[in-house]
Amino acid sequence: MIQTDALIKKEGFEVLRNKLGEVNMERFIVLVNREKFNYTEWRKNLFEDLKLEELAEKADQYSKGL
C-alpha cells in the first residue's frame, strides 16, 4: 500500500513522540535539520559495533514484537 507524504510524516512524528517524548522529539528534529544529515551514511554505520549474532538477536526480538 502506497502512503501519502502527509501520512508518512504524521506516522513518523507519532513514532518519535511515543519513543522519545515530545521534548526529545523536538530536539531530534532540530538536530537533524541543523546538520547536513545523510541518512544513508548514518544507516551504514548504525550497527557497525554490533557482532552479527547481536544484530540477528535484535532483529529476532523486533520481529517477535510486530
Protein backbone atom coordinates (compact mmCIF):
# COMPACT_ATOMS: atom_id res chain seq x y z
CA MET A 1 0.00 0.00 0.00
CA ILE A 2 1.41 3.38 -1.01
CA GLN A 3 1.03 6.06 1.64
CA THR A 4 0.84 9.79 1.05
CA ASP A 5 3.68 12.02 2.21
CA ALA A 6 1.37 13.60 4.77
CA LEU A 7 0.50 10.22 6.28
CA ILE A 8 4.15 9.14 6.42
CA LYS A 9 5.08 12.39 8.22
CA LYS A 10 2.17 12.01 10.64
CA GLU A 11 3.10 8.42 11.50
CA GLY A 12 6.78 9.35 11.77
CA PHE A 13 6.03 12.10 14.27
CA GLU A 14 3.84 9.70 16.25
CA VAL A 15 6.66 7.14 16.41
CA LEU A 16 9.16 9.78 17.51
CA ARG A 17 6.80 11.19 20.13
CA ASN A 18 5.95 7.73 21.51
CA LYS A 19 9.61 6.70 21.67
CA LEU A 20 11.29 9.96 22.72
CA GLY A 21 8.54 12.08 24.24
CA GLU A 22 7.55 15.49 22.91
CA VAL A 23 10.59 17.44 24.11
CA ASN A 24 13.19 14.99 22.81
CA MET A 25 11.22 14.57 19.57
CA GLU A 26 11.55 18.33 19.04
CA ARG A 27 15.26 18.19 19.91
CA PHE A 28 15.78 15.35 17.43
CA ILE A 29 14.07 17.28 14.64
CA VAL A 30 16.15 20.39 15.39
CA LEU A 31 19.37 18.33 15.41
CA VAL A 32 18.58 16.66 12.09
CA ASN A 33 17.61 19.97 10.47
CA ARG A 34 20.68 21.77 11.83
CA GLU A 35 23.19 19.32 10.41
CA LYS A 36 23.82 18.23 6.87
CA PHE A 37 22.33 14.86 7.70
CA ASN A 38 22.94 11.98 5.31
CA TYR A 39 20.50 9.26 6.33
CA THR A 40 22.09 6.66 4.03
CA GLU A 41 25.56 7.13 5.52
CA TRP A 42 24.13 7.15 9.04
CA ARG A 43 22.37 3.81 8.42
CA LYS A 44 25.56 2.26 7.00
CA ASN A 45 27.35 2.89 10.30
CA LEU A 46 24.44 2.37 12.70
CA PHE A 47 25.23 -1.24 13.60
CA GLU A 48 28.96 -1.37 12.88
CA ASP A 49 29.85 -2.03 16.54
CA LEU A 50 27.46 -4.99 16.85
CA LYS A 51 28.52 -8.56 16.25
CA LEU A 52 26.45 -10.43 13.68
CA GLU A 53 24.91 -12.58 16.41
CA GLU A 54 23.83 -9.49 18.38
CA LEU A 55 22.29 -7.93 15.30
CA ALA A 56 20.45 -11.17 14.49
CA GLU A 57 19.11 -11.32 18.06
CA LYS A 58 17.89 -7.73 17.88
CA ALA A 59 16.20 -8.44 14.55
CA ASP A 60 14.56 -11.56 16.02
CA GLN A 61 13.30 -9.63 19.06
CA TYR A 62 11.93 -6.90 16.81
CA SER A 63 10.10 -9.33 14.54
CA LYS A 64 8.54 -11.08 17.54
CA GLY A 65 7.22 -7.74 18.74
CA LEU A 66 5.41 -6.99 15.49
